């Protein structure tokens, strides 16, 4: 199988995509929603970003931002990542500028930015992309 190709099981399961090659991609915020963690100890922003050009146009890059958690350090890291993403979109002040209000995030759907992605091997999901850096377009 080549990088970026898709396979589909004959049983009608979802397509499985190989991770994108490491590098920079022009993307637009595609989806965003707040959800509770599986353990119920916090919440996170579930998001996806659509690649806008090149060989991987229309592919999605997924990222979750932990925003509340029983471990304050974990929540702090997630909020910092979300702020970096928002600043790359052009929101001066990041998540704090939105009053830490996730309901305002939908207003940024379609906004463009550049993401730098790498590949990580996850014990549960196998090889997958991980956003390493958020860059202003």
Protein backbone atom coordinates (compact mmCIF):
# COMPACT_ATOMS: atom_id res chain seq x y z
CA UNK A 1 0.00 0.00 0.00
CA UNK A 2 1.29 3.49 -0.78
CA UNK A 3 1.27 6.35 1.69
CA UNK A 4 -2.06 8.15 1.68
CA UNK A 5 -3.97 5.32 0.05
CA UNK A 6 -7.19 4.01 1.52
CA UNK A 7 -8.44 0.51 2.07
CA UNK A 8 -12.00 -0.56 2.66
CA UNK A 9 -13.09 -3.83 4.17
CA UNK A 10 -15.64 -5.86 2.22
CA UNK A 11 -17.85 -5.87 5.31
CA UNK A 12 -18.60 -2.16 4.75
CA UNK A 13 -16.40 -0.83 7.56
CA UNK A 14 -15.04 2.71 7.45
CA UNK A 15 -12.12 3.41 5.17
CA UNK A 16 -8.74 3.27 6.88
CA UNK A 17 -6.19 5.85 5.80
CA UNK A 18 -2.44 5.72 6.25
CA UNK A 19 -1.01 8.73 8.12
CA UNK A 20 0.01 11.73 6.04
CA UNK A 21 3.76 12.09 5.51
CA UNK A 22 5.46 14.30 8.12
CA UNK A 23 5.49 17.94 7.07
CA UNK A 24 3.51 21.19 6.75
CA UNK A 25 -0.05 21.31 5.43
CA UNK A 26 -2.36 24.22 4.61
CA UNK A 27 -5.60 23.34 6.36
CA UNK A 28 -8.94 24.82 7.40
CA UNK A 29 -10.69 24.11 10.69
CA UNK A 30 -13.35 21.64 9.62
CA UNK A 31 -15.18 20.46 12.74
CA UNK A 32 -15.12 21.30 16.42
CA UNK A 33 -17.13 20.08 19.43
CA UNK A 34 -16.69 19.77 23.18
CA UNK A 35 -17.02 16.30 24.69
CA UNK A 36 -16.57 14.68 28.10
CA UNK A 37 -13.57 12.44 28.65
CA UNK A 38 -14.29 8.71 28.73
CA UNK A 39 -13.52 8.59 32.47
CA UNK A 40 -15.75 11.61 33.08
CA UNK A 41 -12.91 13.51 34.78
CA UNK A 42 -12.84 16.39 32.32
CA UNK A 43 -13.66 17.60 28.84
CA UNK A 44 -11.89 18.13 25.55
CA UNK A 45 -12.37 19.89 22.25
CA UNK A 46 -12.55 17.34 19.45
CA UNK A 47 -11.46 18.91 16.17
CA UNK A 48 -10.53 18.13 12.60
CA UNK A 49 -8.68 20.12 9.96
CA UNK A 50 -9.15 19.61 6.21
CA UNK A 51 -6.08 19.68 3.96
CA UNK A 52 -6.70 22.33 1.27
CA UNK A 53 -4.10 21.60 -1.40
CA UNK A 54 -1.59 19.13 -2.78
CA UNK A 55 -1.60 15.36 -3.06
CA UNK A 56 -3.55 15.01 0.18
CA UNK A 57 -6.27 17.59 -0.54
CA UNK A 58 -9.50 16.87 1.38
CA UNK A 59 -7.81 14.52 3.86
CA UNK A 60 -8.53 15.22 7.52
CA UNK A 61 -6.12 15.73 10.40
CA UNK A 62 -7.65 15.15 13.83
CA UNK A 63 -6.64 16.73 17.12
CA UNK A 64 -8.14 16.74 20.62
CA UNK A 65 -7.48 19.60 23.04
CA UNK A 66 -7.96 18.65 26.71
CA UNK A 67 -9.47 21.70 28.42
CA UNK A 68 -10.67 20.52 31.84
CA UNK A 69 -9.31 17.63 33.87
CA UNK A 70 -8.73 16.51 37.44
CA UNK A 71 -5.01 16.94 36.65
CA UNK A 72 -4.57 20.73 36.24
CA UNK A 73 -1.23 20.29 34.41
CA UNK A 74 -2.90 18.14 31.72
CA UNK A 75 -5.67 20.70 31.23
CA UNK A 76 -3.09 23.51 31.09
CA UNK A 77 -1.21 21.76 28.25
CA UNK A 78 -4.44 21.26 26.27
CA UNK A 79 -5.50 24.89 26.69
CA UNK A 80 -2.02 26.04 25.64
CA UNK A 81 -2.25 23.94 22.46
CA UNK A 82 -5.72 25.33 21.71
CA UNK A 83 -4.41 28.87 22.21
CA UNK A 84 -1.55 28.21 19.77
CA UNK A 85 -4.05 26.90 17.21
CA UNK A 86 -6.31 29.94 17.64
CA UNK A 87 -3.38 32.35 17.41
CA UNK A 88 -2.36 30.66 14.13
CA UNK A 89 -5.90 31.39 12.88
CA UNK A 90 -5.50 35.02 13.93
CA UNK A 91 -7.14 35.15 17.36
CA UNK A 92 -4.90 37.50 19.31
CA UNK A 93 -4.86 36.27 22.90
CA UNK A 94 -5.80 32.68 22.02
CA UNK A 95 -8.35 30.74 24.07
CA UNK A 96 -8.22 33.30 26.91
CA UNK A 97 -9.44 35.97 24.46
CA UNK A 98 -12.58 33.86 23.99
CA UNK A 99 -13.10 33.76 27.75
CA UNK A 100 -12.24 30.05 27.60
CA UNK A 101 -15.68 29.58 26.00
CA UNK A 102 -15.68 26.58 23.66
CA UNK A 103 -19.05 27.57 22.17
CA UNK A 104 -17.27 30.39 20.31
CA UNK A 105 -14.99 27.95 18.44
CA UNK A 106 -17.59 27.20 15.76
CA UNK A 107 -17.13 30.77 14.56
CA UNK A 108 -13.68 29.79 13.29
CA UNK A 109 -14.76 26.92 11.06
CA UNK A 110 -13.23 27.36 7.62
CA UNK A 111 -10.39 29.54 8.92
CA UNK A 112 -7.04 28.65 7.37
CA UNK A 113 -3.71 27.92 9.05
CA UNK A 114 -0.68 25.72 8.56
CA UNK A 115 -0.10 22.64 10.70
CA UNK A 116 3.14 20.74 11.03
CA UNK A 117 2.40 17.06 11.52
CA UNK A 118 4.49 14.12 12.54
CA UNK A 119 3.66 10.46 12.93
CA UNK A 120 3.34 8.64 16.24
CA UNK A 121 2.77 4.97 16.95
CA UNK A 122 -0.18 4.58 19.27
CA UNK A 123 -0.68 1.25 21.08
CA UNK A 124 -4.45 1.37 20.48
CA UNK A 125 -4.71 2.97 17.04
CA UNK A 126 -1.36 2.18 15.39
CA UNK A 127 0.48 4.80 13.33
CA UNK A 128 -1.34 8.14 13.24
CA UNK A 129 -0.65 11.81 12.68
CA UNK A 130 0.05 14.20 15.53
CA UNK A 131 0.07 17.97 15.16
CA UNK A 132 3.46 19.23 16.33
CA UNK A 133 3.09 22.92 15.55
CA UNK A 134 0.42 25.48 14.63
CA UNK A 135 1.58 28.17 12.19
CA UNK A 136 -0.12 31.31 10.92
CA UNK A 137 -0.82 31.24 7.18
